[in-house]
Amino acid sequence: MTTTVTTGRLTVPGATLHYEVRGQGPLLLLIPGGAGGAAAFEGIAGDLAAAYTVATYDPRGISRSALDDPDAEQSVAEHADDAYRLLAELSPGEPARVFGLSSGAITALHLLTTHPDRVLRAVVHEPPVVEVLPDAATHRAMVARVQETFRTRGLMPAMAEFAAGLKKPGATALPQPELKLPPQAAARAEQTMANLPYFLGRVVPRFMAYVPDTERLAALADRLVLAGGEDSRGEVAYLPAAFLAERFGTELVHFPGGHTGSTTHAAAFAARLAETFRA
């Protein structure tokens, strides 16, 4: 669906965020993961704008959201504060619906625990919070190997190491991790590639080391929806959502496709997301 897109800039501590708004109705904030930024939601934002004012943005350091200090370390808390400031800017009087994907889902989890009054419902799709898993040490070691590969051999070998570490045990083919470039225009692909060193080197290690406040999340379970892809069962990014849903005694909601289902199955994914927010 084609909708008019309005762009804006928001100055936050340490960065200036680029954001996009389309549609009308109650606010729905889409928090992207990976290296694609707001463009990763181009396939679903238009459909959702039929019922919501849909806002998305480039997280700090990604694409058009420049850091004041290009070498600044990243933290989940800082990224979640950015999301909070966007909600305050775009929906100052009312709590909003929030959707987070992958590392953006981790941002959404922290946003919910720190500012629950601003979140009506949060749908988090495959947040790779591997520290909640019984075998967290294995995943911690994988991230360390990726960082060492990045340091000693460069970006592409490190990406291959990361993709291998995300696959399900016994898989004969690699899954589609959030580093996979979507088949979009050349300019977008080039920008995604330009974002990868920052994402892999500074976002991945900090976000995958994040330990969510599970007691706080359990208390907020009535406004938290944990989600996973139909095609990514057993993959590393799927496992924490499944683990937390079982721990909280809530349903794990499945979405079309795999980890990047919002791109590969856009129409069906948008319909499922709208249905989840209506439930």
C-alpha atoms as a PDB file:
ATOM      1  CA  MET A   1       0.000   0.000   0.000  1.00  0.00           C
ATOM      2  CA  THR A   2       1.343   3.469  -0.924  1.00  0.00           C
ATOM      3  CA  THR A   3       1.088   6.095   1.784  1.00  0.00           C
ATOM      4  CA  THR A   4       2.530   9.554   2.296  1.00  0.00           C
ATOM      5  CA  VAL A   5       5.686   9.482   4.382  1.00  0.00           C
ATOM      6  CA  THR A   6       6.681  12.419   6.577  1.00  0.00           C
ATOM      7  CA  THR A   7      10.264  12.513   7.818  1.00  0.00           C
ATOM      8  CA  GLY A   8      11.668  14.197  10.890  1.00  0.00           C
ATOM      9  CA  ARG A   9      14.791  14.622  12.983  1.00  0.00           C
ATOM     10  CA  LEU A  10      15.006  14.263  16.747  1.00  0.00           C
ATOM     11  CA  THR A  11      18.041  15.320  18.740  1.00  0.00           C
ATOM     12  CA  VAL A  12      18.780  12.886  21.580  1.00  0.00           C
ATOM     13  CA  PRO A  13      21.806  12.642  23.898  1.00  0.00           C
ATOM     14  CA  GLY A  14      24.728  11.639  21.711  1.00  0.00           C
ATOM     15  CA  ALA A  15      22.909  11.407  18.381  1.00  0.00           C
ATOM     16  CA  THR A  16      20.349  12.813  15.968  1.00  0.00           C
ATOM     17  CA  LEU A  17      17.649  10.347  14.929  1.00  0.00           C
ATOM     18  CA  HIS A  18      16.024  10.173  11.515  1.00  0.00           C
ATOM     19  CA  TYR A  19      12.409   9.004  11.753  1.00  0.00           C
ATOM     20  CA  GLU A  20       9.499   8.437   9.368  1.00  0.00           C
ATOM     21  CA  VAL A  21       5.752   8.685   9.981  1.00  0.00           C
ATOM     22  CA  ARG A  22       2.847   7.536   7.810  1.00  0.00           C
ATOM     23  CA  GLY A  23      -0.864   6.861   8.244  1.00  0.00           C
ATOM     24  CA  GLN A  24      -3.247   8.015  10.943  1.00  0.00           C
ATOM     25  CA  GLY A  25      -4.735   6.604  14.117  1.00  0.00           C
ATOM     26  CA  PRO A  26      -3.050   5.444  17.340  1.00  0.00           C
ATOM     27  CA  LEU A  27       0.739   5.372  17.277  1.00  0.00           C
ATOM     28  CA  LEU A  28       2.584   2.176  16.368  1.00  0.00           C
ATOM     29  CA  LEU A  29       6.359   2.409  16.734  1.00  0.00           C
ATOM     30  CA  LEU A  30       8.382  -0.085  14.696  1.00  0.00           C
ATOM     31  CA  ILE A  31      11.903  -0.617  16.057  1.00  0.00           C
ATOM     32  CA  PRO A  32      14.208  -2.159  13.443  1.00  0.00           C
ATOM     33  CA  GLY A  33      17.035  -4.559  14.122  1.00  0.00           C
ATOM     34  CA  GLY A  34      20.176  -5.381  12.216  1.00  0.00           C
ATOM     35  CA  ALA A  35      21.836  -2.980   9.815  1.00  0.00           C
ATOM     36  CA  GLY A  36      18.881  -1.980   7.637  1.00  0.00           C
ATOM     37  CA  GLY A  37      17.272   0.771   9.698  1.00  0.00           C
ATOM     38  CA  ALA A  38      13.821   2.154   8.927  1.00  0.00           C
ATOM     39  CA  ALA A  39      14.047   0.852   5.357  1.00  0.00           C
ATOM     40  CA  ALA A  40      13.724  -2.704   6.688  1.00  0.00           C
ATOM     41  CA  PHE A  41      10.031  -2.009   7.369  1.00  0.00           C
ATOM     42  CA  GLU A  42       9.133  -0.576   3.968  1.00  0.00           C
ATOM     43  CA  GLY A  43       7.265  -3.785   3.118  1.00  0.00           C
ATOM     44  CA  ILE A  44       4.911  -3.685   6.126  1.00  0.00           C
ATOM     45  CA  ALA A  45       4.613  -0.022   7.153  1.00  0.00           C
ATOM     46  CA  GLY A  46       2.206   0.927   4.382  1.00  0.00           C
ATOM     47  CA  ASP A  47      -0.258  -1.853   5.189  1.00  0.00           C
ATOM     48  CA  LEU A  48      -0.163  -1.042   8.902  1.00  0.00           C
ATOM     49  CA  ALA A  49      -0.732   2.651   8.185  1.00  0.00           C
ATOM     50  CA  ALA A  50      -4.326   1.824   7.227  1.00  0.00           C
ATOM     51  CA  ALA A  51      -5.106   1.515  10.949  1.00  0.00           C
ATOM     52  CA  TYR A  52      -2.217   3.238  12.738  1.00  0.00           C
ATOM     53  CA  THR A  53       0.091   6.200  12.686  1.00  0.00           C
ATOM     54  CA  VAL A  54       3.185   4.143  11.918  1.00  0.00           C
ATOM     55  CA  ALA A  55       6.546   5.502  13.001  1.00  0.00           C
ATOM     56  CA  THR A  56       9.910   3.932  12.414  1.00  0.00           C
ATOM     57  CA  TYR A  57      13.456   5.205  12.489  1.00  0.00           C
ATOM     58  CA  ASP A  58      17.127   4.526  11.943  1.00  0.00           C
ATOM     59  CA  PRO A  59      18.620   3.542  15.316  1.00  0.00           C
ATOM     60  CA  ARG A  60      21.549   5.655  16.425  1.00  0.00           C
ATOM     61  CA  GLY A  61      24.634   5.023  14.302  1.00  0.00           C
ATOM     62  CA  ILE A  62      22.591   3.422  11.486  1.00  0.00           C
ATOM     63  CA  SER A  63      22.077   5.113   8.098  1.00  0.00           C
ATOM     64  CA  ARG A  64      20.719   8.644   8.619  1.00  0.00           C
ATOM     65  CA  SER A  65      20.903   8.692  12.448  1.00  0.00           C
ATOM     66  CA  ALA A  66      24.374  10.093  13.069  1.00  0.00           C
ATOM     67  CA  LEU A  67      26.292   9.735  16.319  1.00  0.00           C
ATOM     68  CA  ASP A  68      27.861  12.860  17.794  1.00  0.00           C
ATOM     69  CA  ASP A  69      30.912  10.697  18.497  1.00  0.00           C
ATOM     70  CA  PRO A  70      31.319   8.065  15.750  1.00  0.00           C
ATOM     71  CA  ASP A  71      33.408   5.917  18.112  1.00  0.00           C
ATOM     72  CA  ALA A  72      30.940   5.972  21.004  1.00  0.00           C
ATOM     73  CA  GLU A  73      30.189   2.668  22.702  1.00  0.00           C
ATOM     74  CA  GLN A  74      26.593   1.455  22.466  1.00  0.00           C
ATOM     75  CA  SER A  75      24.176   0.252  25.125  1.00  0.00           C
ATOM     76  CA  VAL A  76      20.686  -1.217  25.141  1.00  0.00           C
ATOM     77  CA  ALA A  77      19.605   1.366  27.716  1.00  0.00           C
ATOM     78  CA  GLU A  78      20.657   4.231  25.462  1.00  0.00           C
ATOM     79  CA  HIS A  79      18.859   2.778  22.444  1.00  0.00           C
ATOM     80  CA  ALA A  80      15.732   2.219  24.549  1.00  0.00           C
ATOM     81  CA  ASP A  81      15.909   5.818  25.753  1.00  0.00           C
ATOM     82  CA  ASP A  82      15.916   6.902  22.100  1.00  0.00           C
ATOM     83  CA  ALA A  83      12.703   4.949  21.552  1.00  0.00           C
ATOM     84  CA  TYR A  84      11.194   6.516  24.670  1.00  0.00           C
ATOM     85  CA  ARG A  85      12.036  10.002  23.410  1.00  0.00           C
ATOM     86  CA  LEU A  86      10.421   9.203  20.058  1.00  0.00           C
ATOM     87  CA  LEU A  87       7.250   8.109  21.852  1.00  0.00           C
ATOM     88  CA  ALA A  88       7.279  11.324  23.879  1.00  0.00           C
ATOM     89  CA  GLU A  89       7.694  13.330  20.675  1.00  0.00           C
ATOM     90  CA  LEU A  90       5.050  11.555  18.602  1.00  0.00           C
ATOM     91  CA  SER A  91       2.514  10.430  21.220  1.00  0.00           C
ATOM     92  CA  PRO A  92       3.028  12.690  24.242  1.00  0.00           C
ATOM     93  CA  GLY A  93      -0.309  12.018  25.903  1.00  0.00           C
ATOM     94  CA  GLU A  94      -1.013   8.370  25.173  1.00  0.00           C
ATOM     95  CA  PRO A  95       0.834   5.037  25.490  1.00  0.00           C
ATOM     96  CA  ALA A  96       1.712   3.456  22.156  1.00  0.00           C
ATOM     97  CA  ARG A  97       1.931   0.069  20.544  1.00  0.00           C
ATOM     98  CA  VAL A  98       5.513  -1.054  19.930  1.00  0.00           C
ATOM     99  CA  PHE A  99       6.969  -3.716  17.646  1.00  0.00           C
ATOM    100  CA  GLY A 100      10.630  -4.667  17.834  1.00  0.00           C
ATOM    101  CA  LEU A 101      12.555  -6.996  15.536  1.00  0.00           C
ATOM    102  CA  SER A 102      15.745  -8.837  16.552  1.00  0.00           C
ATOM    103  CA  SER A 103      18.098  -6.324  18.210  1.00  0.00           C
ATOM    104  CA  GLY A 104      15.193  -3.884  17.999  1.00  0.00           C
ATOM    105  CA  ALA A 105      13.173  -6.388  20.030  1.00  0.00           C
ATOM    106  CA  ILE A 106      15.806  -6.155  22.748  1.00  0.00           C
ATOM    107  CA  THR A 107      15.366  -2.380  22.675  1.00  0.00           C
ATOM    108  CA  ALA A 108      11.605  -2.904  23.020  1.00  0.00           C
ATOM    109  CA  LEU A 109      12.070  -5.214  26.022  1.00  0.00           C
ATOM    110  CA  HIS A 110      14.145  -2.621  27.848  1.00  0.00           C
ATOM    111  CA  LEU A 111      11.699   0.129  26.893  1.00  0.00           C
ATOM    112  CA  LEU A 112       8.854  -1.877  28.394  1.00  0.00           C
ATOM    113  CA  THR A 113      10.683  -2.568  31.649  1.00  0.00           C
ATOM    114  CA  THR A 114      11.826   1.033  32.140  1.00  0.00           C
ATOM    115  CA  HIS A 115       8.829   2.968  30.768  1.00  0.00           C
ATOM    116  CA  PRO A 116       5.793   0.678  30.999  1.00  0.00           C
ATOM    117  CA  ASP A 117       3.494   3.690  31.197  1.00  0.00           C
ATOM    118  CA  ARG A 118       4.435   4.575  27.602  1.00  0.00           C
ATOM    119  CA  VAL A 119       3.785   1.106  26.149  1.00  0.00           C
ATOM    120  CA  LEU A 120       0.256  -0.170  25.578  1.00  0.00           C
ATOM    121  CA  ARG A 121       1.522  -3.467  24.142  1.00  0.00           C
ATOM    122  CA  ALA A 122       4.941  -4.608  22.945  1.00  0.00           C
ATOM    123  CA  VAL A 123       5.360  -7.341  20.350  1.00  0.00           C
ATOM    124  CA  VAL A 124       8.956  -8.578  20.342  1.00  0.00           C
ATOM    125  CA  HIS A 125      10.013 -10.801  17.456  1.00  0.00           C
ATOM    126  CA  GLU A 126      13.000 -13.063  18.160  1.00  0.00           C
ATOM    127  CA  PRO A 127      15.018 -10.915  20.565  1.00  0.00           C
ATOM    128  CA  PRO A 128      18.436 -12.648  20.786  1.00  0.00           C
ATOM    129  CA  VAL A 129      18.711 -12.274  24.570  1.00  0.00           C
ATOM    130  CA  VAL A 130      20.791 -15.430  24.765  1.00  0.00           C
ATOM    131  CA  GLU A 131      21.847 -14.722  28.354  1.00  0.00           C
ATOM    132  CA  VAL A 132      18.472 -16.079  29.546  1.00  0.00           C
ATOM    133  CA  LEU A 133      19.193 -19.509  28.041  1.00  0.00           C
ATOM    134  CA  PRO A 134      20.656 -22.422  30.002  1.00  0.00           C
ATOM    135  CA  ASP A 135      23.534 -22.651  27.508  1.00  0.00           C
ATOM    136  CA  ALA A 136      24.289 -18.923  27.537  1.00  0.00           C
ATOM    137  CA  ALA A 137      28.030 -19.574  27.800  1.00  0.00           C
ATOM    138  CA  THR A 138      28.006 -21.290  24.401  1.00  0.00           C
ATOM    139  CA  HIS A 139      26.439 -18.270  22.735  1.00  0.00           C
ATOM    140  CA  ARG A 140      28.738 -15.908  24.628  1.00  0.00           C
ATOM    141  CA  ALA A 141      31.707 -17.800  23.215  1.00  0.00           C
ATOM    142  CA  MET A 142      30.246 -17.580  19.710  1.00  0.00           C
ATOM    143  CA  VAL A 143      29.975 -13.788  19.934  1.00  0.00           C
ATOM    144  CA  ALA A 144      33.572 -13.615  21.178  1.00  0.00           C
ATOM    145  CA  ARG A 145      34.716 -15.709  18.184  1.00  0.00           C
ATOM    146  CA  VAL A 146      32.868 -13.379  15.826  1.00  0.00           C
ATOM    147  CA  GLN A 147      34.557 -10.340  17.337  1.00  0.00           C
ATOM    148  CA  GLU A 148      37.978 -11.962  17.106  1.00  0.00           C
ATOM    149  CA  THR A 149      37.334 -12.941  13.489  1.00  0.00           C
ATOM    150  CA  PHE A 150      36.221  -9.389  12.737  1.00  0.00           C
ATOM    151  CA  ARG A 151      39.386  -8.012  14.326  1.00  0.00           C
ATOM    152  CA  THR A 152      41.811 -10.400  12.639  1.00  0.00           C
ATOM    153  CA  ARG A 153      40.187 -11.300   9.314  1.00  0.00           C
ATOM    154  CA  GLY A 154      37.644  -8.603   8.537  1.00  0.00           C
ATOM    155  CA  LEU A 155      33.943  -8.122   7.972  1.00  0.00           C
ATOM    156  CA  MET A 156      32.916 -10.867   5.573  1.00  0.00           C
ATOM    157  CA  PRO A 157      34.581 -13.763   7.444  1.00  0.00           C
ATOM    158  CA  ALA A 158      33.044 -12.419  10.661  1.00  0.00           C
ATOM    159  CA  MET A 159      29.615 -12.302   9.042  1.00  0.00           C
ATOM    160  CA  ALA A 160      30.023 -15.908   7.970  1.00  0.00           C
ATOM    161  CA  GLU A 161      31.026 -16.850  11.527  1.00  0.00           C
ATOM    162  CA  PHE A 162      27.997 -15.016  12.909  1.00  0.00           C
ATOM    163  CA  ALA A 163      25.587 -16.693  10.484  1.00  0.00           C
ATOM    164  CA  ALA A 164      27.010 -20.110  11.346  1.00  0.00           C
ATOM    165  CA  GLY A 165      26.591 -19.377  15.041  1.00  0.00           C
ATOM    166  CA  LEU A 166      22.916 -18.469  14.607  1.00  0.00           C
ATOM    167  CA  LYS A 167      21.828 -21.614  12.784  1.00  0.00           C
ATOM    168  CA  LYS A 168      19.888 -24.379  14.482  1.00  0.00           C
ATOM    169  CA  PRO A 169      21.843 -27.469  15.612  1.00  0.00           C
ATOM    170  CA  GLY A 170      22.269 -29.961  12.784  1.00  0.00           C
ATOM    171  CA  ALA A 171      21.106 -27.551  10.090  1.00  0.00           C
ATOM    172  CA  THR A 172      22.660 -28.259   6.713  1.00  0.00           C
ATOM    173  CA  ALA A 173      22.041 -24.758   5.371  1.00  0.00           C
ATOM    174  CA  LEU A 174      22.495 -21.362   6.964  1.00  0.00           C
ATOM    175  CA  PRO A 175      19.382 -19.524   8.182  1.00  0.00           C
ATOM    176  CA  GLN A 176      18.584 -15.982   7.140  1.00  0.00           C
ATOM    177  CA  PRO A 177      20.181 -13.909   9.906  1.00  0.00           C
ATOM    178  CA  GLU A 178      19.470 -10.221  10.328  1.00  0.00           C
ATOM    179  CA  LEU A 179      22.728  -9.532   8.431  1.00  0.00           C
ATOM    180  CA  LYS A 180      21.255 -10.839   5.178  1.00  0.00           C
ATOM    181  CA  LEU A 181      20.883  -8.049   2.616  1.00  0.00           C
ATOM    182  CA  PRO A 182      17.301  -7.674   1.378  1.00  0.00           C
ATOM    183  CA  PRO A 183      16.736  -7.523  -2.394  1.00  0.00           C
ATOM    184  CA  GLN A 184      16.094  -3.769  -2.582  1.00  0.00           C
ATOM    185  CA  ALA A 185      17.521  -0.871  -4.597  1.00  0.00           C
ATOM    186  CA  ALA A 186      21.282  -0.624  -4.989  1.00  0.00           C
ATOM    187  CA  ALA A 187      21.470   2.520  -2.863  1.00  0.00           C
ATOM    188  CA  ARG A 188      19.753   0.782   0.047  1.00  0.00           C
ATOM    189  CA  ALA A 189      21.980  -2.281  -0.278  1.00  0.00           C
ATOM    190  CA  GLU A 190      25.061  -0.094  -0.258  1.00  0.00           C
ATOM    191  CA  GLN A 191      23.860   1.720   2.867  1.00  0.00           C
ATOM    192  CA  THR A 192      23.158  -1.577   4.618  1.00  0.00           C
ATOM    193  CA  MET A 193      26.660  -2.758   3.795  1.00  0.00           C
ATOM    194  CA  ALA A 194      28.068   0.519   5.115  1.00  0.00           C
ATOM    195  CA  ASN A 195      26.193  -0.075   8.404  1.00  0.00           C
ATOM    196  CA  LEU A 196      27.460  -3.623   8.927  1.00  0.00           C
ATOM    197  CA  PRO A 197      30.836  -2.888  10.565  1.00  0.00           C
ATOM    198  CA  TYR A 198      29.142  -0.699  13.183  1.00  0.00           C
ATOM    199  CA  PHE A 199      26.344  -3.195  13.753  1.00  0.00           C
ATOM    200  CA  LEU A 200      28.583  -6.255  13.963  1.00  0.00           C
ATOM    201  CA  GLY A 201      31.351  -4.598  15.942  1.00  0.00           C
ATOM    202  CA  ARG A 202      29.448  -2.445  18.425  1.00  0.00           C
ATOM    203  CA  VAL A 203      25.783  -3.424  18.524  1.00  0.00           C
ATOM    204  CA  VAL A 204      25.977  -7.230  18.426  1.00  0.00           C
ATOM    205  CA  PRO A 205      28.374  -7.713  21.381  1.00  0.00           C
ATOM    206  CA  ARG A 206      26.513  -5.298  23.653  1.00  0.00           C
ATOM    207  CA  PHE A 207      22.997  -6.400  22.758  1.00  0.00           C
ATOM    208  CA  MET A 208      23.679 -10.129  22.905  1.00  0.00           C
ATOM    209  CA  ALA A 209      25.277  -9.649  26.327  1.00  0.00           C
ATOM    210  CA  TYR A 210      22.135  -7.898  27.589  1.00  0.00           C
ATOM    211  CA  VAL A 211      20.397  -9.541  30.541  1.00  0.00           C
ATOM    212  CA  PRO A 212      16.703  -8.591  30.661  1.00  0.00           C
ATOM    213  CA  ASP A 213      14.906  -8.009  33.936  1.00  0.00           C
ATOM    214  CA  THR A 214      12.827 -11.186  33.759  1.00  0.00           C
ATOM    215  CA  GLU A 215      11.011 -10.548  37.021  1.00  0.00           C
ATOM    216  CA  ARG A 216       9.894  -7.163  35.768  1.00  0.00           C
ATOM    217  CA  LEU A 217       8.886  -8.634  32.410  1.00  0.00           C
ATOM    218  CA  ALA A 218       6.878 -11.357  34.129  1.00  0.00           C
ATOM    219  CA  ALA A 219       4.959  -8.672  36.011  1.00  0.00           C
ATOM    220  CA  LEU A 220       4.280  -6.928  32.683  1.00  0.00           C
ATOM    221  CA  ALA A 221       3.404 -10.104  30.769  1.00  0.00           C
ATOM    222  CA  ASP A 222      -0.139  -8.876  30.094  1.00  0.00           C
ATOM    223  CA  ARG A 223       1.242  -6.258  27.708  1.00  0.00           C
ATOM    224  CA  LEU A 224       4.163  -8.297  26.295  1.00  0.00           C
ATOM    225  CA  VAL A 225       3.816 -10.565  23.257  1.00  0.00           C
ATOM    226  CA  LEU A 226       6.774 -12.852  22.571  1.00  0.00           C
ATOM    227  CA  ALA A 227       6.989 -13.881  18.926  1.00  0.00           C
ATOM    228  CA  GLY A 228       8.986 -16.126  16.606  1.00  0.00           C
ATOM    229  CA  GLY A 229       9.058 -17.069  12.957  1.00  0.00           C
ATOM    230  CA  GLU A 230       7.289 -20.175  11.689  1.00  0.00           C
ATOM    231  CA  ASP A 231      10.413 -21.061   9.705  1.00  0.00           C
ATOM    232  CA  SER A 232      13.025 -20.285  12.354  1.00  0.00           C
ATOM    233  CA  ARG A 233      12.063 -22.765  15.060  1.00  0.00           C
ATOM    234  CA  GLY A 234      15.193 -23.943  16.827  1.00  0.00           C
ATOM    235  CA  GLU A 235      17.431 -21.138  15.589  1.00  0.00           C
ATOM    236  CA  VAL A 236      19.394 -19.154  18.147  1.00  0.00           C
ATOM    237  CA  ALA A 237      17.375 -15.943  17.800  1.00  0.00           C
ATOM    238  CA  TYR A 238      14.109 -17.901  18.193  1.00  0.00           C
ATOM    239  CA  LEU A 239      15.089 -19.730  21.373  1.00  0.00           C
ATOM    240  CA  PRO A 240      15.004 -16.847  23.914  1.00  0.00           C
ATOM    241  CA  ALA A 241      11.445 -15.847  22.970  1.00  0.00           C
ATOM    242  CA  ALA A 242      10.307 -19.469  23.284  1.00  0.00           C
ATOM    243  CA  PHE A 243      12.141 -19.833  26.610  1.00  0.00           C
ATOM    244  CA  LEU A 244      10.642 -16.655  28.078  1.00  0.00           C
ATOM    245  CA  ALA A 245       7.127 -17.471  26.868  1.00  0.00           C
ATOM    246  CA  GLU A 246       7.310 -20.823  28.641  1.00  0.00           C
ATOM    247  CA  ARG A 247       8.730 -19.205  31.763  1.00  0.00           C
ATOM    248  CA  PHE A 248       5.981 -16.564  31.849  1.00  0.00           C
ATOM    249  CA  GLY A 249       3.230 -19.044  30.975  1.00  0.00           C
ATOM    250  CA  THR A 250       2.234 -17.063  27.882  1.00  0.00           C
ATOM    251  CA  GLU A 251       1.713 -17.970  24.244  1.00  0.00           C
ATOM    252  CA  LEU A 252       4.596 -17.759  21.792  1.00  0.00           C
ATOM    253  CA  VAL A 253       2.967 -16.102  18.784  1.00  0.00           C
ATOM    254  CA  HIS A 254       4.253 -17.300  15.421  1.00  0.00           C
ATOM    255  CA  PHE A 255       4.674 -15.027  12.420  1.00  0.00           C
ATOM    256  CA  PRO A 256       5.064 -15.939   8.738  1.00  0.00           C
ATOM    257  CA  GLY A 257       8.579 -16.659   7.527  1.00  0.00           C
ATOM    258  CA  GLY A 258      11.732 -16.753   9.556  1.00  0.00           C
ATOM    259  CA  HIS A 259      13.863 -14.180  11.340  1.00  0.00           C
ATOM    260  CA  THR A 260      13.417 -11.706   8.467  1.00  0.00           C
ATOM    261  CA  GLY A 261       9.773 -12.560   7.803  1.00  0.00           C
ATOM    262  CA  SER A 262       8.789  -8.882   7.762  1.00  0.00           C
ATOM    263  CA  THR A 263      10.797  -8.615   4.527  1.00  0.00           C
ATOM    264  CA  THR A 264      10.274 -12.033   2.923  1.00  0.00           C
ATOM    265  CA  HIS A 265       6.552 -12.384   3.803  1.00  0.00           C
ATOM    266  CA  ALA A 266       5.648  -8.713   4.168  1.00  0.00           C
ATOM    267  CA  ALA A 267       1.888  -8.739   3.514  1.00  0.00           C
ATOM    268  CA  ALA A 268       1.169 -11.783   5.674  1.00  0.00           C
ATOM    269  CA  PHE A 269       3.522 -10.510   8.373  1.00  0.00           C
ATOM    270  CA  ALA A 270       1.768  -7.117   8.511  1.00  0.00           C
ATOM    271  CA  ALA A 271      -1.630  -8.811   8.725  1.00  0.00           C
ATOM    272  CA  ARG A 272      -0.451 -11.024  11.586  1.00  0.00           C
ATOM    273  CA  LEU A 273       1.007  -8.045  13.432  1.00  0.00           C
ATOM    274  CA  ALA A 274      -2.217  -6.056  13.100  1.00  0.00           C
ATOM    275  CA  GLU A 275      -4.168  -9.078  14.334  1.00  0.00           C
ATOM    276  CA  THR A 276      -1.837  -9.432  17.323  1.00  0.00           C
ATOM    277  CA  PHE A 277      -2.332  -5.818  18.348  1.00  0.00           C
ATOM    278  CA  ARG A 278      -6.122  -6.182  18.053  1.00  0.00           C
ATOM    279  CA  ALA A 279      -6.193  -9.294  20.288  1.00  0.00           C
END
